[in-house]
């Protein structure tokens, strides 16, 4: 790369902040984030959504809350079962 960036190592998902009404805390958490060296971003976003959906205590979903997650991207995703080419054969539970 021609860019000198301070990137985080590749990762699937890192919990940074639970749901909060504190906008200043949210802004601060967002501003502290660094991009990662992940080269497979379409799937990374979906993995993060999966974790946000199933890790209720960490995220802070209220029991009665309706959960809506929205992804906006200009990236295309891989086809279903492409992961088998990389040897990833155990699906999420």
N, C-alpha and C. Protein backbone atom coordinates (compact mmCIF):
# COMPACT_ATOMS: atom_id res chain seq x y z
N UNK A 1 0.83 -1.19 0.00
CA UNK A 1 0.00 0.00 0.00
C UNK A 1 0.87 1.25 0.00
N UNK A 2 0.40 2.27 -0.65
CA UNK A 2 1.10 3.56 -0.67
C UNK A 2 0.77 4.41 0.55
N UNK A 3 -0.15 3.92 1.39
CA UNK A 3 -0.59 4.71 2.53
C UNK A 3 0.11 4.25 3.79
N UNK A 4 0.45 5.17 4.64
CA UNK A 4 1.06 4.86 5.93
C UNK A 4 -0.04 4.97 6.99
N UNK A 5 -0.77 3.89 7.19
CA UNK A 5 -1.91 3.88 8.10
C UNK A 5 -1.61 3.06 9.34
N UNK A 6 -2.15 3.50 10.45
CA UNK A 6 -2.04 2.75 11.71
C UNK A 6 -3.30 1.89 11.83
N UNK A 7 -3.25 0.68 11.27
CA UNK A 7 -4.43 -0.18 11.22
C UNK A 7 -4.42 -1.18 12.37
N UNK A 8 -5.62 -1.59 12.76
CA UNK A 8 -5.76 -2.70 13.70
C UNK A 8 -5.51 -3.99 12.93
N UNK A 9 -5.08 -5.04 13.62
CA UNK A 9 -4.92 -6.32 12.92
C UNK A 9 -6.30 -6.85 12.47
N UNK A 10 -6.33 -7.72 11.47
CA UNK A 10 -7.61 -8.27 11.01
C UNK A 10 -8.33 -8.97 12.17
N UNK A 11 -9.63 -8.83 12.18
CA UNK A 11 -10.46 -9.45 13.22
C UNK A 11 -11.86 -9.64 12.68
N UNK A 12 -12.60 -10.52 13.30
CA UNK A 12 -13.97 -10.75 12.89
C UNK A 12 -14.95 -9.79 13.54
N UNK A 13 -14.76 -9.54 14.84
CA UNK A 13 -15.72 -8.73 15.57
C UNK A 13 -15.08 -8.31 16.88
N UNK A 14 -15.23 -7.06 17.24
CA UNK A 14 -14.77 -6.55 18.53
C UNK A 14 -15.89 -5.70 19.10
N UNK A 15 -16.35 -6.05 20.29
CA UNK A 15 -17.40 -5.26 20.95
C UNK A 15 -16.76 -4.00 21.53
N UNK A 16 -17.28 -2.85 21.15
CA UNK A 16 -16.68 -1.58 21.58
C UNK A 16 -17.57 -0.85 22.59
N UNK A 17 -18.87 -0.82 22.34
CA UNK A 17 -19.77 -0.05 23.20
C UNK A 17 -21.15 -0.65 23.15
N UNK A 18 -21.74 -0.85 24.32
CA UNK A 18 -23.13 -1.32 24.37
C UNK A 18 -24.05 -0.17 23.99
N UNK A 19 -25.30 -0.50 23.67
CA UNK A 19 -26.29 0.53 23.34
C UNK A 19 -26.36 1.54 24.49
N UNK A 20 -26.43 2.81 24.13
CA UNK A 20 -26.43 3.86 25.13
C UNK A 20 -27.22 5.07 24.63
N UNK A 21 -27.74 5.86 25.58
CA UNK A 21 -28.37 7.13 25.25
C UNK A 21 -27.35 8.26 25.30
N UNK A 22 -26.14 7.98 25.75
CA UNK A 22 -25.10 8.99 25.92
C UNK A 22 -24.42 9.25 24.58
N UNK A 23 -24.82 10.30 23.90
CA UNK A 23 -24.30 10.61 22.57
C UNK A 23 -22.82 10.96 22.62
N UNK A 24 -22.38 11.65 23.65
CA UNK A 24 -20.96 12.00 23.78
C UNK A 24 -20.10 10.74 23.90
N UNK A 25 -20.58 9.78 24.68
CA UNK A 25 -19.86 8.51 24.83
C UNK A 25 -19.80 7.77 23.49
N UNK A 26 -20.90 7.77 22.75
CA UNK A 26 -20.95 7.14 21.44
C UNK A 26 -19.96 7.80 20.48
N UNK A 27 -20.00 9.14 20.41
CA UNK A 27 -19.09 9.88 19.54
C UNK A 27 -17.64 9.59 19.89
N UNK A 28 -17.33 9.57 21.18
CA UNK A 28 -15.98 9.30 21.63
C UNK A 28 -15.53 7.91 21.20
N UNK A 29 -16.41 6.91 21.35
CA UNK A 29 -16.07 5.54 20.95
C UNK A 29 -15.83 5.45 19.45
N UNK A 30 -16.67 6.12 18.66
CA UNK A 30 -16.51 6.11 17.20
C UNK A 30 -15.20 6.78 16.81
N UNK A 31 -14.90 7.91 17.41
CA UNK A 31 -13.69 8.65 17.06
C UNK A 31 -12.40 7.91 17.42
N UNK A 32 -12.47 6.99 18.37
CA UNK A 32 -11.28 6.23 18.77
C UNK A 32 -11.00 5.04 17.85
N UNK A 33 -11.95 4.70 16.98
CA UNK A 33 -11.81 3.50 16.16
C UNK A 33 -10.78 3.69 15.06
N UNK A 34 -10.09 2.59 14.74
CA UNK A 34 -9.15 2.56 13.64
C UNK A 34 -9.66 1.55 12.62
N UNK A 35 -9.29 1.74 11.37
CA UNK A 35 -9.65 0.75 10.38
C UNK A 35 -8.81 -0.50 10.63
N UNK A 36 -9.27 -1.62 10.14
CA UNK A 36 -8.50 -2.85 10.30
C UNK A 36 -7.89 -3.25 8.97
N UNK A 37 -6.98 -4.16 9.05
CA UNK A 37 -6.34 -4.67 7.84
C UNK A 37 -7.15 -5.76 7.18
N UNK A 38 -8.41 -5.93 7.58
CA UNK A 38 -9.26 -6.97 7.02
C UNK A 38 -9.45 -6.73 5.52
N UNK A 39 -9.22 -7.75 4.73
CA UNK A 39 -9.39 -7.59 3.28
C UNK A 39 -10.69 -8.22 2.79
N UNK A 40 -11.53 -8.66 3.71
CA UNK A 40 -12.77 -9.32 3.34
C UNK A 40 -13.94 -8.59 4.00
N UNK A 41 -14.06 -7.30 3.74
CA UNK A 41 -15.03 -6.47 4.45
C UNK A 41 -16.50 -6.84 4.26
N UNK A 42 -16.94 -7.33 3.11
CA UNK A 42 -18.37 -7.63 3.02
C UNK A 42 -18.82 -8.64 4.07
N UNK A 43 -18.05 -9.70 4.27
CA UNK A 43 -18.43 -10.71 5.24
C UNK A 43 -18.19 -10.21 6.66
N UNK A 44 -17.19 -9.38 6.86
CA UNK A 44 -16.92 -8.85 8.19
C UNK A 44 -18.11 -8.09 8.75
N UNK A 45 -18.77 -7.33 7.90
CA UNK A 45 -19.96 -6.60 8.34
C UNK A 45 -21.09 -7.53 8.73
N UNK A 46 -21.28 -8.59 7.97
CA UNK A 46 -22.34 -9.54 8.30
C UNK A 46 -22.01 -10.33 9.56
N UNK A 47 -20.74 -10.66 9.78
CA UNK A 47 -20.35 -11.33 11.02
C UNK A 47 -20.64 -10.43 12.22
N UNK A 48 -20.35 -9.14 12.09
CA UNK A 48 -20.62 -8.21 13.18
C UNK A 48 -22.13 -8.12 13.45
N UNK A 49 -22.94 -8.12 12.39
CA UNK A 49 -24.39 -8.09 12.57
C UNK A 49 -24.88 -9.34 13.29
N UNK A 50 -24.32 -10.49 12.92
CA UNK A 50 -24.70 -11.74 13.58
C UNK A 50 -24.38 -11.67 15.07
N UNK A 51 -23.19 -11.19 15.41
CA UNK A 51 -22.80 -11.08 16.81
C UNK A 51 -23.72 -10.11 17.55
N UNK A 52 -24.05 -8.99 16.91
CA UNK A 52 -24.94 -8.01 17.55
C UNK A 52 -26.33 -8.59 17.79
N UNK A 53 -26.76 -9.48 16.92
CA UNK A 53 -28.09 -10.09 17.06
C UNK A 53 -28.13 -11.13 18.17
N UNK A 54 -27.05 -11.88 18.37
CA UNK A 54 -27.10 -12.99 19.32
C UNK A 54 -26.47 -12.68 20.67
N UNK A 55 -25.64 -11.69 20.77
CA UNK A 55 -24.97 -11.36 22.05
C UNK A 55 -25.77 -10.28 22.78
N UNK A 56 -26.96 -10.66 23.25
CA UNK A 56 -27.91 -9.70 23.79
C UNK A 56 -27.38 -8.94 25.00
N UNK A 57 -26.72 -9.64 25.93
CA UNK A 57 -26.23 -8.97 27.15
C UNK A 57 -25.13 -7.97 26.83
N UNK A 58 -24.21 -8.33 25.95
CA UNK A 58 -23.11 -7.44 25.61
C UNK A 58 -23.59 -6.19 24.87
N UNK A 59 -24.54 -6.37 23.98
CA UNK A 59 -25.03 -5.26 23.18
C UNK A 59 -25.95 -4.36 24.01
N UNK A 60 -26.75 -4.97 24.85
CA UNK A 60 -27.65 -4.19 25.71
C UNK A 60 -29.05 -4.05 25.17
N UNK A 61 -29.47 -5.02 24.34
CA UNK A 61 -30.84 -4.99 23.83
C UNK A 61 -31.81 -5.09 25.01
N UNK A 62 -32.86 -4.29 25.01
CA UNK A 62 -33.93 -4.46 25.99
C UNK A 62 -34.72 -5.70 25.60
N UNK A 63 -35.26 -6.39 26.59
CA UNK A 63 -35.98 -7.63 26.34
C UNK A 63 -37.14 -7.43 25.36
N UNK A 64 -37.84 -6.31 25.49
CA UNK A 64 -39.02 -6.06 24.67
C UNK A 64 -38.70 -5.32 23.36
N UNK A 65 -37.45 -5.02 23.11
CA UNK A 65 -37.08 -4.22 21.94
C UNK A 65 -37.18 -5.01 20.64
N UNK A 66 -37.61 -4.34 19.60
CA UNK A 66 -37.51 -4.89 18.24
C UNK A 66 -36.10 -4.57 17.77
N UNK A 67 -35.45 -5.51 17.13
CA UNK A 67 -34.06 -5.31 16.71
C UNK A 67 -34.01 -5.10 15.21
N UNK A 68 -33.41 -4.01 14.81
CA UNK A 68 -33.25 -3.70 13.40
C UNK A 68 -31.80 -3.30 13.17
N UNK A 69 -31.12 -4.01 12.31
CA UNK A 69 -29.75 -3.70 11.95
C UNK A 69 -29.72 -3.40 10.46
N UNK A 70 -29.02 -2.34 10.09
CA UNK A 70 -28.98 -1.90 8.71
C UNK A 70 -27.53 -1.84 8.24
N UNK A 71 -27.26 -2.41 7.08
CA UNK A 71 -25.93 -2.34 6.49
C UNK A 71 -26.04 -1.57 5.18
N UNK A 72 -25.21 -0.55 5.04
CA UNK A 72 -25.15 0.19 3.79
C UNK A 72 -23.72 0.09 3.29
N UNK A 73 -23.56 -0.40 2.07
CA UNK A 73 -22.22 -0.60 1.55
C UNK A 73 -22.24 -0.52 0.03
N UNK A 74 -21.07 -0.27 -0.53
CA UNK A 74 -20.96 -0.33 -1.98
C UNK A 74 -20.19 -1.58 -2.40
N UNK A 75 -19.92 -2.46 -1.44
CA UNK A 75 -19.22 -3.72 -1.70
C UNK A 75 -20.24 -4.81 -2.03
N UNK A 76 -19.82 -5.74 -2.86
CA UNK A 76 -20.65 -6.91 -3.12
C UNK A 76 -20.21 -8.03 -2.18
N UNK A 77 -21.11 -8.91 -1.87
CA UNK A 77 -20.80 -10.03 -0.99
C UNK A 77 -20.45 -11.24 -1.84
N UNK A 78 -19.79 -12.20 -1.21
CA UNK A 78 -19.48 -13.45 -1.90
C UNK A 78 -20.76 -14.27 -2.07
N UNK A 79 -20.68 -15.28 -2.87
CA UNK A 79 -21.80 -16.19 -3.05
C UNK A 79 -21.89 -17.15 -1.88
N UNK A 80 -23.04 -17.68 -1.63
CA UNK A 80 -23.23 -18.65 -0.56
C UNK A 80 -22.28 -19.83 -0.77
N UNK A 81 -21.70 -20.29 0.30
CA UNK A 81 -20.80 -21.45 0.35
C UNK A 81 -19.41 -21.17 -0.23
N UNK A 82 -19.10 -19.92 -0.61
CA UNK A 82 -17.75 -19.58 -1.06
C UNK A 82 -16.71 -19.89 0.00
N UNK A 83 -17.11 -19.83 1.26
CA UNK A 83 -16.14 -20.04 2.35
C UNK A 83 -15.53 -21.44 2.30
N UNK A 84 -16.22 -22.38 1.68
CA UNK A 84 -15.66 -23.74 1.57
C UNK A 84 -14.35 -23.73 0.80
N UNK A 85 -14.20 -22.78 -0.13
CA UNK A 85 -12.95 -22.68 -0.87
C UNK A 85 -11.78 -22.32 0.04
N UNK A 86 -12.08 -21.63 1.15
CA UNK A 86 -11.04 -21.23 2.10
C UNK A 86 -10.93 -22.24 3.25
N UNK A 87 -11.69 -23.30 3.20
CA UNK A 87 -11.64 -24.31 4.26
C UNK A 87 -12.51 -23.98 5.45
N UNK A 88 -13.36 -22.98 5.34
CA UNK A 88 -14.25 -22.62 6.44
C UNK A 88 -15.55 -23.39 6.22
N UNK A 89 -15.71 -24.47 6.96
CA UNK A 89 -16.83 -25.36 6.68
C UNK A 89 -17.79 -25.51 7.85
N UNK A 90 -17.46 -24.96 9.02
CA UNK A 90 -18.37 -25.07 10.17
C UNK A 90 -19.22 -23.79 10.23
N UNK A 91 -20.53 -23.89 10.00
CA UNK A 91 -21.37 -22.69 10.01
C UNK A 91 -21.61 -22.17 11.43
N UNK A 92 -22.06 -20.92 11.51
CA UNK A 92 -22.47 -20.35 12.82
C UNK A 92 -23.61 -21.17 13.37
N UNK A 93 -23.69 -21.24 14.70
CA UNK A 93 -24.83 -21.94 15.31
C UNK A 93 -26.06 -21.05 15.25
